[in-house]
Amino acid sequence: MSTTLTNNVRSGGRWMLAAAAVFVAGFALIIFVEPGGLATELAVALPLVAAAVLLVIGTATAAAASPSRPPAVGAVIAAVGCALGVTGLVTASMLAELGGLDVEALYIPVATVTTALGGAAVAALASALRGVAGRTGTVLAVLGAVVVLGCLFLDPIVPFVLAGVLGVALARLGASATM
């Protein structure tokens, strides 16, 4: 693999790891912060949307190095869909908390589709980079498929955590054991 492609994969892995860390931090805010006014809602929403954008950047950067175009393109499309889903979930939550439109009925279907798209993005990217990611990529491709199948019972945080694990594997690409 050329240096440019290796750098793209490593950079994409770092972006994906950052997406996982920011999403987990945002998810922790949801758990620990009492809903309040607009400022509180925005403080909780911004890390989640930022993590979704980081996931798209990381997926696109790593997918650019893939020799297998269809899974790579599918991974980017699924990551964009996941990001749109996260944005929709955050918007629905803000509208419900601030007394706007009643969108509670949309939350479960949007969360399900968001989780499925996130799992599909991880599975497709791990599959597209299977020669690079090694056994970790194979395991994550299978776990991504399991997330897609079990999306009705899982939170959207699950694909972000899987993306973070894939990000670690990609970011360490070519690193020596003595580093």
Protein backbone atom coordinates (compact mmCIF):
# COMPACT_ATOMS: atom_id res chain seq x y z
CA MET A 1 0.00 0.00 0.00
CA SER A 2 1.41 3.38 -0.92
CA THR A 3 2.27 6.00 1.67
CA THR A 4 -0.62 8.24 0.62
CA LEU A 5 -3.15 5.43 0.96
CA THR A 6 -1.69 4.39 4.31
CA ASN A 7 -1.92 7.97 5.53
CA ASN A 8 -5.55 8.19 4.35
CA VAL A 9 -6.46 5.02 6.21
CA ARG A 10 -4.64 6.13 9.37
CA SER A 11 -6.17 9.61 9.21
CA GLY A 12 -9.64 8.16 8.66
CA GLY A 13 -9.10 5.90 11.65
CA ARG A 14 -8.20 8.87 13.82
CA TRP A 15 -11.32 10.74 12.71
CA MET A 16 -13.44 7.69 13.52
CA LEU A 17 -11.83 7.34 16.94
CA ALA A 18 -12.54 11.02 17.60
CA ALA A 19 -16.16 10.50 16.50
CA ALA A 20 -16.57 7.68 19.00
CA ALA A 21 -15.02 9.68 21.85
CA VAL A 22 -17.15 12.77 21.16
CA PHE A 23 -20.33 10.71 20.78
CA VAL A 24 -19.72 8.88 24.07
CA ALA A 25 -19.12 12.24 25.79
CA GLY A 26 -22.35 13.60 24.30
CA PHE A 27 -24.22 10.47 25.34
CA ALA A 28 -22.90 10.91 28.89
CA LEU A 29 -24.26 14.46 28.86
CA ILE A 30 -27.68 13.10 27.94
CA ILE A 31 -27.57 10.80 30.95
CA PHE A 32 -26.18 13.23 33.50
CA VAL A 33 -27.61 16.63 32.50
CA GLU A 34 -31.18 17.51 33.37
CA PRO A 35 -33.07 18.89 30.39
CA GLY A 36 -33.71 22.58 30.68
CA GLY A 37 -33.72 25.54 28.39
CA LEU A 38 -32.33 26.03 24.93
CA ALA A 39 -28.74 26.40 26.15
CA THR A 40 -28.82 23.02 27.89
CA GLU A 41 -30.39 21.35 24.89
CA LEU A 42 -27.77 22.80 22.56
CA ALA A 43 -24.96 21.79 24.91
CA VAL A 44 -26.18 18.20 24.71
CA ALA A 45 -26.96 18.29 20.99
CA LEU A 46 -23.73 19.78 19.66
CA PRO A 47 -21.38 16.92 20.64
CA LEU A 48 -23.72 14.34 19.10
CA VAL A 49 -24.00 16.19 15.80
CA ALA A 50 -20.26 16.89 15.81
CA ALA A 51 -19.58 13.18 16.33
CA ALA A 52 -21.85 12.33 13.41
CA VAL A 53 -19.93 14.74 11.18
CA LEU A 54 -16.61 13.27 12.37
CA LEU A 55 -17.91 9.79 11.53
CA VAL A 56 -18.68 10.88 7.97
CA ILE A 57 -15.26 12.53 7.58
CA GLY A 58 -13.46 9.49 8.97
CA THR A 59 -15.42 7.03 6.88
CA ALA A 60 -14.91 9.05 3.69
CA THR A 61 -11.20 9.53 4.36
CA ALA A 62 -10.57 5.84 5.04
CA ALA A 63 -12.86 4.71 2.22
CA ALA A 64 -10.87 6.78 -0.27
CA ALA A 65 -7.98 4.35 0.23
CA SER A 66 -10.08 1.25 -0.42
CA PRO A 67 -9.39 -0.79 -3.55
CA SER A 68 -12.95 -2.13 -3.31
CA ARG A 69 -15.18 0.73 -4.46
CA PRO A 70 -18.77 -0.54 -3.95
CA PRO A 71 -18.42 -1.31 -0.23
CA ALA A 72 -16.45 1.91 0.29
CA VAL A 73 -19.13 4.02 -1.38
CA GLY A 74 -21.80 2.14 0.57
CA ALA A 75 -19.95 2.88 3.81
CA VAL A 76 -19.88 6.60 3.08
CA ILE A 77 -23.56 6.67 2.11
CA ALA A 78 -24.50 4.76 5.27
CA ALA A 79 -22.36 7.10 7.40
CA VAL A 80 -24.11 10.13 5.89
CA GLY A 81 -27.47 8.51 6.59
CA CYS A 82 -26.40 7.81 10.17
CA ALA A 83 -25.31 11.44 10.59
CA LEU A 84 -28.65 12.66 9.27
CA GLY A 85 -30.38 10.27 11.66
CA VAL A 86 -28.42 11.58 14.64
CA THR A 87 -29.31 15.13 13.61
CA GLY A 88 -32.97 14.11 13.33
CA LEU A 89 -32.91 12.48 16.77
CA VAL A 90 -31.34 15.56 18.34
CA THR A 91 -33.84 17.84 16.63
CA ALA A 92 -36.78 15.68 17.71
CA SER A 93 -35.49 15.63 21.28
CA MET A 94 -35.07 19.40 21.33
CA LEU A 95 -38.56 19.98 19.94
CA ALA A 96 -40.08 17.63 22.50
CA GLU A 97 -38.16 19.15 25.44
CA LEU A 98 -38.83 22.75 24.48
CA GLY A 99 -42.56 22.20 24.10
CA GLY A 100 -42.63 22.36 20.35
CA LEU A 101 -44.06 19.74 18.06
CA ASP A 102 -44.95 16.36 19.49
CA VAL A 103 -42.45 14.11 17.72
CA GLU A 104 -42.08 11.35 20.31
CA ALA A 105 -43.67 8.82 17.93
CA LEU A 106 -40.81 9.35 15.47
CA TYR A 107 -38.02 8.73 17.96
CA ILE A 108 -37.94 4.91 17.92
CA PRO A 109 -38.14 4.52 14.11
CA VAL A 110 -35.46 7.19 13.57
CA ALA A 111 -33.22 5.66 16.27
CA THR A 112 -33.65 2.23 14.69
CA VAL A 113 -32.75 3.43 11.20
CA THR A 114 -29.84 5.49 12.57
CA THR A 115 -28.43 2.48 14.40
CA ALA A 116 -28.85 0.27 11.34
CA LEU A 117 -27.11 2.79 9.07
CA GLY A 118 -24.25 3.21 11.55
CA GLY A 119 -23.79 -0.55 11.76
CA ALA A 120 -23.92 -0.80 7.97
CA ALA A 121 -21.28 1.94 7.65
CA VAL A 122 -18.91 0.11 9.98
CA ALA A 123 -19.56 -3.25 8.33
CA ALA A 124 -19.11 -1.88 4.80
CA LEU A 125 -15.94 0.04 5.65
CA ALA A 126 -14.42 -2.91 7.50
CA SER A 127 -15.29 -5.10 4.52
CA ALA A 128 -13.86 -2.59 2.03
CA LEU A 129 -10.62 -2.42 4.01
CA ARG A 130 -10.45 -6.10 4.93
CA GLY A 131 -6.96 -6.44 3.50
CA VAL A 132 -5.79 -3.53 5.62
CA ALA A 133 -7.75 -3.98 8.85
CA GLY A 134 -6.96 -7.70 9.17
CA ARG A 135 -8.79 -9.88 11.68
CA THR A 136 -10.06 -6.84 13.57
CA GLY A 137 -11.75 -5.66 10.39
CA THR A 138 -13.35 -9.05 9.84
CA VAL A 139 -14.68 -9.14 13.40
CA LEU A 140 -16.01 -5.59 13.10
CA ALA A 141 -17.65 -6.35 9.75
CA VAL A 142 -19.52 -9.21 11.43
CA LEU A 143 -20.39 -7.07 14.47
CA GLY A 144 -21.59 -4.28 12.17
CA ALA A 145 -23.89 -6.78 10.46
CA VAL A 146 -25.14 -7.92 13.89
CA VAL A 147 -25.89 -4.28 14.76
CA VAL A 148 -27.90 -3.95 11.56
CA LEU A 149 -29.87 -7.09 12.41
CA GLY A 150 -30.41 -6.06 16.03
CA CYS A 151 -30.96 -2.36 15.42
CA LEU A 152 -34.42 -2.40 16.97
CA PHE A 153 -32.92 -3.32 20.34
CA LEU A 154 -29.75 -1.22 20.30
CA ASP A 155 -28.97 2.43 20.94
CA PRO A 156 -27.25 4.57 18.29
CA ILE A 157 -24.16 4.64 20.53
CA VAL A 158 -23.30 1.04 19.57
CA PRO A 159 -22.18 1.73 15.97
CA PHE A 160 -20.15 4.72 17.16
CA VAL A 161 -18.29 2.51 19.64
CA LEU A 162 -17.66 -0.05 16.87
CA ALA A 163 -16.44 2.77 14.62
CA GLY A 164 -14.04 3.79 17.39
CA VAL A 165 -12.65 0.27 17.63
CA LEU A 166 -12.23 0.16 13.84
CA GLY A 167 -10.64 3.60 14.06
CA VAL A 168 -8.02 2.29 16.51
CA ALA A 169 -7.19 -0.58 14.15
CA LEU A 170 -6.91 1.76 11.17
CA ALA A 171 -4.95 4.44 13.03
CA ARG A 172 -2.38 1.85 14.10
CA LEU A 173 -1.87 0.68 10.52
CA GLY A 174 1.82 0.33 9.86
CA ALA A 175 2.84 1.22 13.41
CA SER A 176 5.70 -0.84 14.70
CA ALA A 177 5.38 -2.94 17.82
CA THR A 178 8.07 -0.89 19.53
CA MET A 179 6.22 2.43 19.31
